[in-house]
């Protein structure tokens, strides 16, 4: 009987003490303990979360674009057979360089028409002046004078029209008047830029106004930024922004130049026009970019990237006490490349809680081990 009572007492004691031992083990497993030497070697520094000035920002979508005057479509002014230049897509071509030549008998004809009309004009001018003298001496009727004047003025207008046709073809009326007649005209680059499209080949017969080449001048690349209507009042001219190309980490800066005044019916966004700080010929018009517009400055508590870790979309910091370091969930706000705004650290007071300012990644690795 006595042995039975003693065994029962042991079982009761075991059942009462085991849970306490398990709870103690769980409570201590959340802490990472390092010696002073280990903390120093790991570069761990601690302190109260500092207040710093952080730029407030909006993240938007944008697209690279060029002003209309920096895009050129090169067409043939007449029908003819093409001899293309040596250009390939992507080549840099300077203003005035020959892109192609066009040859056709109609080019000769307009020069002939000009010379014939100019010769006829000289005759009609002399005839008109002769009629004026005859009318003054009552040697002919005023009706004949009026008819002569009409013929003279009509031919004068035709010469002027043919002269403009020659200039439109890139030919000089003065040179044609001296007998310099050609069957070929040259198509020249209107500005310095890169060849972006080639639509011709050797010997191709093209029609008037047919597209031959396209040229882009990327020296004035800008960004068209779509900002949600609710956020549009925060954007002002002169504010800075950064852009990031898809798959790239390098950022390019710029300044908001124009603020849109209309909400797009389809996107419900307002368009902002931004100029880049520097030209980059590697950029291509039509590329989509992620844009961060800096709308102001806010003084707030922040941790550097060395004092915080990110896992599965969540942020964690480490509080520091004499017992060791403890990993806690952080509620964050704004971010930039170097700083993260800390809004909350679970139930800890941000004003008094000592945290790890640098070395968080080392502690996080140690915690996982």
Protein backbone atom coordinates (compact mmCIF):
# COMPACT_ATOMS: atom_id res chain seq x y z
CA UNK A 1 0.00 0.00 0.00
CA UNK A 2 2.83 2.39 0.97
CA UNK A 3 4.73 1.56 -2.27
CA UNK A 4 1.59 2.34 -4.33
CA UNK A 5 1.18 5.74 -2.66
CA UNK A 6 4.87 6.65 -3.29
CA UNK A 7 4.60 5.71 -7.01
CA UNK A 8 1.46 7.79 -7.42
CA UNK A 9 3.20 10.77 -5.79
CA UNK A 10 6.13 10.52 -8.23
CA UNK A 11 3.81 10.44 -11.25
CA UNK A 12 1.93 13.51 -10.03
CA UNK A 13 5.19 15.42 -9.52
CA UNK A 14 6.42 14.50 -13.01
CA UNK A 15 3.19 15.54 -14.65
CA UNK A 16 3.25 18.87 -12.81
CA UNK A 17 6.88 19.81 -13.54
CA UNK A 18 7.23 18.80 -17.23
CA UNK A 19 5.11 21.62 -18.76
CA UNK A 20 7.12 24.28 -16.89
CA UNK A 21 10.37 22.94 -18.32
CA UNK A 22 8.94 23.01 -21.89
CA UNK A 23 7.68 26.59 -21.47
CA UNK A 24 11.08 27.72 -20.25
CA UNK A 25 12.73 26.21 -23.34
CA UNK A 26 10.28 27.95 -25.72
CA UNK A 27 10.72 31.29 -24.00
CA UNK A 28 14.50 31.24 -24.27
CA UNK A 29 14.59 30.04 -27.91
CA UNK A 30 13.50 33.49 -29.25
CA UNK A 31 16.69 35.11 -27.97
CA UNK A 32 20.13 35.18 -29.55
CA UNK A 33 22.98 35.52 -27.09
CA UNK A 34 26.42 36.74 -28.21
CA UNK A 35 29.53 37.65 -26.32
CA UNK A 36 30.87 41.19 -26.60
CA UNK A 37 33.69 39.92 -28.80
CA UNK A 38 31.26 38.13 -31.15
CA UNK A 39 29.05 41.22 -31.45
CA UNK A 40 32.08 43.39 -32.21
CA UNK A 41 33.43 41.02 -34.84
CA UNK A 42 29.98 40.88 -36.49
CA UNK A 43 29.86 44.69 -36.69
CA UNK A 44 26.71 44.87 -34.56
CA UNK A 45 25.83 48.33 -33.24
CA UNK A 46 22.80 49.21 -31.12
CA UNK A 47 20.86 52.28 -30.06
CA UNK A 48 17.49 54.04 -30.09
CA UNK A 49 15.92 54.29 -33.56
CA UNK A 50 17.03 57.70 -34.89
CA UNK A 51 14.87 60.33 -36.57
CA UNK A 52 15.95 61.26 -40.06
CA UNK A 53 14.56 63.26 -42.96
CA UNK A 54 13.00 60.93 -45.49
CA UNK A 55 11.64 61.98 -48.86
CA UNK A 56 7.94 61.31 -49.29
CA UNK A 57 7.23 59.72 -52.65
CA UNK A 58 4.73 58.29 -55.13
CA UNK A 59 5.43 55.18 -57.19
CA UNK A 60 3.90 55.39 -60.67
CA UNK A 61 4.17 53.91 -64.13
CA UNK A 62 5.75 55.86 -66.93
CA UNK A 63 6.82 55.55 -70.54
CA UNK A 64 9.78 57.05 -72.37
CA UNK A 65 8.80 59.35 -75.22
CA UNK A 66 10.16 61.90 -77.67
CA UNK A 67 8.70 65.23 -78.81
CA UNK A 68 7.13 65.10 -82.30
CA UNK A 69 9.91 67.19 -83.81
CA UNK A 70 12.43 64.51 -82.86
CA UNK A 71 10.74 61.84 -84.99
CA UNK A 72 10.96 61.96 -88.78
CA UNK A 73 9.34 59.87 -91.50
CA UNK A 74 11.23 60.22 -94.78
CA UNK A 75 9.03 59.92 -97.88
CA UNK A 76 9.68 60.08 -101.60
CA UNK A 77 8.39 63.34 -103.12
CA UNK A 78 8.04 61.74 -106.58
CA UNK A 79 7.75 58.42 -108.32
CA UNK A 80 11.08 56.85 -109.15
CA UNK A 81 13.64 54.10 -108.78
CA UNK A 82 15.52 54.10 -105.48
CA UNK A 83 19.21 53.67 -104.78
CA UNK A 84 19.47 53.39 -100.98
CA UNK A 85 22.43 54.65 -99.01
CA UNK A 86 24.71 52.44 -96.91
CA UNK A 87 22.57 52.91 -93.83
CA UNK A 88 21.45 50.17 -91.48
CA UNK A 89 18.96 50.35 -88.63
CA UNK A 90 20.65 51.91 -85.62
CA UNK A 91 23.19 53.90 -87.65
CA UNK A 92 23.80 57.52 -86.69
CA UNK A 93 23.15 59.86 -89.59
CA UNK A 94 23.98 63.55 -89.60
CA UNK A 95 21.76 66.36 -90.83
CA UNK A 96 22.05 66.85 -94.58
CA UNK A 97 23.63 63.47 -95.35
CA UNK A 98 22.20 61.64 -98.39
CA UNK A 99 19.95 58.74 -97.37
CA UNK A 100 18.91 57.67 -100.87
CA UNK A 101 18.68 58.84 -104.47
CA UNK A 102 15.63 58.61 -106.73
CA UNK A 103 15.80 58.54 -110.52
CA UNK A 104 12.93 59.04 -112.99
CA UNK A 105 12.11 60.76 -116.27
CA UNK A 106 9.42 62.87 -114.55
CA UNK A 107 12.23 64.64 -112.72
CA UNK A 108 13.64 65.67 -116.10
CA UNK A 109 10.22 66.79 -117.33
CA UNK A 110 9.59 69.26 -114.49
CA UNK A 111 12.92 70.90 -115.27
CA UNK A 112 12.03 71.09 -118.97
CA UNK A 113 8.64 72.58 -118.13
CA UNK A 114 10.33 75.19 -115.98
CA UNK A 115 12.77 76.23 -118.71
CA UNK A 116 10.04 76.36 -121.37
CA UNK A 117 7.72 78.37 -119.13
CA UNK A 118 10.50 80.75 -118.18
CA UNK A 119 11.32 81.33 -121.87
CA UNK A 120 7.67 81.93 -122.67
CA UNK A 121 7.41 84.34 -119.76
CA UNK A 122 10.18 86.52 -121.21
CA UNK A 123 8.33 86.69 -124.53
CA UNK A 124 4.97 87.53 -122.87
CA UNK A 125 6.64 90.21 -120.76
CA UNK A 126 8.06 91.93 -123.84
CA UNK A 127 4.73 91.61 -125.61
CA UNK A 128 2.89 93.16 -122.67
CA UNK A 129 5.34 96.08 -122.51
CA UNK A 130 4.95 96.62 -126.31
CA UNK A 131 1.15 96.68 -125.99
CA UNK A 132 1.40 99.25 -123.22
CA UNK A 133 3.31 101.60 -125.55
CA UNK A 134 0.84 101.04 -128.39
CA UNK A 135 -2.13 101.81 -126.16
CA UNK A 136 -0.41 104.97 -124.96
CA UNK A 137 -0.12 106.07 -128.61
CA UNK A 138 -3.68 104.96 -129.47
CA UNK A 139 -2.20 102.37 -131.83
CA UNK A 140 -4.10 99.41 -130.36
CA UNK A 141 -7.12 98.71 -128.18
CA UNK A 142 -7.09 98.39 -124.40
CA UNK A 143 -8.76 94.99 -124.78
CA UNK A 144 -5.65 93.58 -126.45
CA UNK A 145 -3.54 95.10 -123.69
CA UNK A 146 -5.66 93.41 -121.04
CA UNK A 147 -5.40 90.09 -122.85
CA UNK A 148 -1.62 90.43 -123.09
CA UNK A 149 -1.40 91.31 -119.39
CA UNK A 150 -3.51 88.30 -118.45
CA UNK A 151 -1.30 85.91 -120.42
CA UNK A 152 1.82 87.42 -118.91
CA UNK A 153 0.58 87.15 -115.32
CA UNK A 154 -0.65 83.58 -115.81
CA UNK A 155 2.73 82.46 -117.15
CA UNK A 156 4.47 84.33 -114.35
CA UNK A 157 2.44 82.35 -111.81
CA UNK A 158 3.26 79.09 -113.63
CA UNK A 159 7.00 79.85 -113.49
CA UNK A 160 6.72 80.57 -109.77
CA UNK A 161 4.87 77.26 -109.23
CA UNK A 162 7.41 75.24 -111.21
CA UNK A 163 10.22 76.97 -109.32
CA UNK A 164 8.71 75.79 -106.01
CA UNK A 165 8.33 72.26 -107.42
CA UNK A 166 12.04 72.23 -108.17
CA UNK A 167 12.87 73.38 -104.65
CA UNK A 168 10.51 70.73 -103.25
CA UNK A 169 12.55 68.12 -105.15
CA UNK A 170 15.76 69.56 -103.75
CA UNK A 171 16.78 71.14 -107.07
CA UNK A 172 17.94 74.72 -107.61
CA UNK A 173 15.94 76.80 -110.15
CA UNK A 174 19.05 78.92 -110.69
CA UNK A 175 21.12 75.83 -111.56
CA UNK A 176 18.40 74.55 -113.90
CA UNK A 177 18.29 77.98 -115.61
CA UNK A 178 21.99 77.56 -116.37
CA UNK A 179 21.26 74.23 -118.06
CA UNK A 180 22.21 71.94 -115.17
CA UNK A 181 19.53 69.27 -115.71
CA UNK A 182 19.51 65.96 -113.84
CA UNK A 183 17.39 62.82 -113.75
CA UNK A 184 18.19 62.15 -110.09
CA UNK A 185 17.25 63.77 -106.80
CA UNK A 186 18.77 63.16 -103.36
CA UNK A 187 16.83 62.43 -100.17
CA UNK A 188 18.67 64.02 -97.22
CA UNK A 189 18.39 63.62 -93.44
CA UNK A 190 16.38 66.51 -91.91
CA UNK A 191 18.32 66.32 -88.62
CA UNK A 192 21.00 64.31 -86.87
CA UNK A 193 19.62 61.08 -85.42
CA UNK A 194 19.53 57.31 -85.59
CA UNK A 195 17.93 55.32 -88.41
CA UNK A 196 15.05 53.42 -86.80
CA UNK A 197 13.38 51.88 -89.88
CA UNK A 198 14.30 51.13 -93.51
CA UNK A 199 11.50 50.49 -95.99
CA UNK A 200 13.38 50.39 -99.33
CA UNK A 201 15.80 48.25 -101.29
CA UNK A 202 17.97 48.69 -104.38
CA UNK A 203 16.01 49.40 -107.58
CA UNK A 204 12.64 49.57 -105.87
CA UNK A 205 10.01 51.65 -107.71
CA UNK A 206 8.38 53.93 -105.17
CA UNK A 207 5.26 56.04 -105.47
CA UNK A 208 4.99 59.69 -104.43
CA UNK A 209 4.75 60.06 -100.62
CA UNK A 210 5.87 56.45 -100.04
CA UNK A 211 7.72 55.91 -96.73
CA UNK A 212 11.46 55.25 -97.18
CA UNK A 213 13.08 55.69 -93.74
CA UNK A 214 12.33 56.66 -90.17
CA UNK A 215 14.78 58.63 -88.01
CA UNK A 216 14.75 59.35 -84.26
CA UNK A 217 16.71 62.00 -82.41
CA UNK A 218 16.97 60.81 -78.79
CA UNK A 219 18.63 63.97 -77.50
CA UNK A 220 15.42 65.17 -75.83
CA UNK A 221 14.03 61.97 -74.33
CA UNK A 222 11.40 62.60 -71.66
CA UNK A 223 9.05 60.58 -69.45
CA UNK A 224 5.26 60.60 -69.57
CA UNK A 225 4.14 59.61 -66.06
CA UNK A 226 0.62 58.40 -65.18
CA UNK A 227 -0.38 59.52 -61.67
CA UNK A 228 -3.67 58.40 -60.11
CA UNK A 229 -6.14 61.26 -59.90
CA UNK A 230 -6.27 61.05 -56.08
CA UNK A 231 -2.48 61.54 -55.88
CA UNK A 232 -2.20 64.19 -58.62
CA UNK A 233 -2.52 67.21 -56.25
CA UNK A 234 0.71 66.08 -54.54
CA UNK A 235 2.73 66.50 -57.76
CA UNK A 236 4.20 69.92 -58.57
CA UNK A 237 6.47 71.31 -61.25
CA UNK A 238 10.12 71.16 -60.20
CA UNK A 239 9.81 68.00 -58.07
CA UNK A 240 12.48 65.38 -58.59
CA UNK A 241 11.87 61.81 -59.72
CA UNK A 242 13.77 58.60 -60.45
CA UNK A 243 13.07 56.04 -63.16
CA UNK A 244 14.05 52.37 -63.28
CA UNK A 245 13.97 50.27 -66.44
CA UNK A 246 12.48 46.76 -66.22
CA UNK A 247 15.10 44.28 -65.07
CA UNK A 248 17.58 47.03 -64.19
CA UNK A 249 18.71 48.40 -60.83
CA UNK A 250 20.36 51.59 -62.05
CA UNK A 251 18.24 54.69 -61.53
CA UNK A 252 18.08 57.82 -63.67
CA UNK A 253 16.94 61.12 -62.19
CA UNK A 254 14.78 63.87 -63.57
CA UNK A 255 12.50 66.82 -62.80
CA UNK A 256 8.75 67.25 -63.30
CA UNK A 257 8.41 69.83 -66.07
CA UNK A 258 4.67 69.94 -66.76
CA UNK A 259 1.66 68.87 -64.67
CA UNK A 260 -1.37 67.59 -66.57
CA UNK A 261 -4.70 69.33 -66.14
CA UNK A 262 -7.04 66.56 -67.28
CA UNK A 263 -7.98 63.10 -66.02
CA UNK A 264 -7.79 60.40 -68.67
CA UNK A 265 -11.21 58.79 -69.12
CA UNK A 266 -9.76 55.30 -69.60
CA UNK A 267 -6.94 55.15 -67.03
CA UNK A 268 -8.38 57.62 -64.49
CA UNK A 269 -4.87 59.06 -64.22
CA UNK A 270 -3.30 62.46 -64.82
CA UNK A 271 -0.32 62.69 -67.16
CA UNK A 272 2.88 64.33 -65.88
CA UNK A 273 5.70 65.36 -68.21
CA UNK A 274 9.23 64.90 -66.84
CA UNK A 275 12.67 65.82 -68.18
CA UNK A 276 15.67 63.59 -67.47
CA UNK A 277 18.78 65.07 -65.84
CA UNK A 278 21.10 63.61 -68.49
CA UNK A 279 20.81 62.13 -71.94
CA UNK A 280 21.25 58.38 -72.33
CA UNK A 281 21.37 57.09 -75.90
CA UNK A 282 20.75 53.56 -74.60
CA UNK A 283 17.17 54.52 -73.76
CA UNK A 284 14.51 53.69 -76.32
CA UNK A 285 11.25 55.57 -76.84
CA UNK A 286 8.27 53.43 -75.87
CA UNK A 287 10.05 51.68 -72.99
CA UNK A 288 7.93 51.38 -69.84
CA UNK A 289 9.61 52.49 -66.61
CA UNK A 290 8.83 52.50 -62.91
CA UNK A 291 8.84 56.06 -61.65
CA UNK A 292 9.24 57.39 -58.12
CA UNK A 293 8.22 61.04 -57.67
CA UNK A 294 9.55 62.74 -54.54
CA UNK A 295 6.74 64.95 -53.24
CA UNK A 296 8.27 66.30 -50.02
CA UNK A 297 10.39 65.65 -46.92
CA UNK A 298 9.19 64.01 -43.72
CA UNK A 299 11.06 63.73 -40.41
CA UNK A 300 10.47 60.22 -39.08
CA UNK A 301 12.09 57.23 -37.36
CA UNK A 302 14.10 55.11 -39.77
CA UNK A 303 16.46 52.16 -39.75
CA UNK A 304 19.18 51.71 -42.31
CA UNK A 305 19.09 48.59 -44.48
CA UNK A 306 21.80 47.16 -42.20
CA UNK A 307 19.40 47.24 -39.26
CA UNK A 308 16.44 45.46 -40.80
CA UNK A 309 15.82 42.23 -42.71
CA UNK A 310 13.05 41.27 -45.13
CA UNK A 311 11.59 37.79 -45.36
CA UNK A 312 8.58 36.66 -47.39
CA UNK A 313 7.41 40.23 -47.82
CA UNK A 314 7.67 41.06 -44.09
CA UNK A 315 10.23 43.20 -42.28
CA UNK A 316 11.97 42.33 -39.02
CA UNK A 317 14.23 44.20 -36.62
CA UNK A 318 16.14 43.08 -33.52
CA UNK A 319 15.65 44.59 -30.08
CA UNK A 320 18.68 44.63 -27.81
CA UNK A 321 18.61 43.89 -24.05
CA UNK A 322 21.15 42.63 -21.51
CA UNK A 323 19.66 39.15 -22.05
CA UNK A 324 20.47 39.20 -25.80
CA UNK A 325 18.83 40.05 -29.11
CA UNK A 326 15.24 39.29 -30.09
CA UNK A 327 13.76 39.29 -33.60
CA UNK A 328 10.48 41.24 -33.79
CA UNK A 329 8.03 42.10 -36.58
CA UNK A 330 8.35 45.66 -37.89
CA UNK A 331 5.59 47.71 -39.47
CA UNK A 332 7.25 49.90 -42.11
CA UNK A 333 6.24 52.93 -44.15
CA UNK A 334 8.24 54.73 -46.80
CA UNK A 335 11.50 53.35 -48.13
CA UNK A 336 14.45 54.35 -50.23
CA UNK A 337 17.71 52.66 -51.18
CA UNK A 338 19.27 53.26 -47.76
CA UNK A 339 16.52 53.86 -45.19
CA UNK A 340 13.23 52.25 -44.12
CA UNK A 341 10.63 54.12 -42.07
CA UNK A 342 9.69 52.23 -38.88
CA UNK A 343 6.09 52.78 -37.79
CA UNK A 344 5.86 50.05 -35.14
CA UNK A 345 7.87 47.24 -33.49
CA UNK A 346 5.16 44.95 -32.12
CA UNK A 347 4.32 46.34 -28.62
CA UNK A 348 7.67 48.03 -27.97
CA UNK A 349 8.01 51.79 -27.47
CA UNK A 350 10.00 53.27 -30.36
CA UNK A 351 11.14 56.19 -28.21
CA UNK A 352 12.85 54.06 -25.56
CA UNK A 353 13.54 50.61 -27.04
CA UNK A 354 17.14 49.84 -27.88
CA UNK A 355 17.51 48.06 -31.23
CA UNK A 356 20.21 46.75 -33.53
CA UNK A 357 21.24 49.54 -35.93
CA UNK A 358 23.72 47.45 -37.96
CA UNK A 359 24.43 43.73 -38.24
CA UNK A 360 20.83 42.52 -38.50
CA UNK A 361 21.65 40.09 -41.31
CA UNK A 362 24.29 38.39 -39.15
CA UNK A 363 21.80 37.96 -36.30
CA UNK A 364 19.15 36.72 -38.69
CA UNK A 365 21.51 34.04 -39.99
CA UNK A 366 22.41 33.08 -36.44
CA UNK A 367 18.77 32.86 -35.46
CA UNK A 368 18.03 30.48 -38.33
CA UNK A 369 20.91 28.25 -37.32
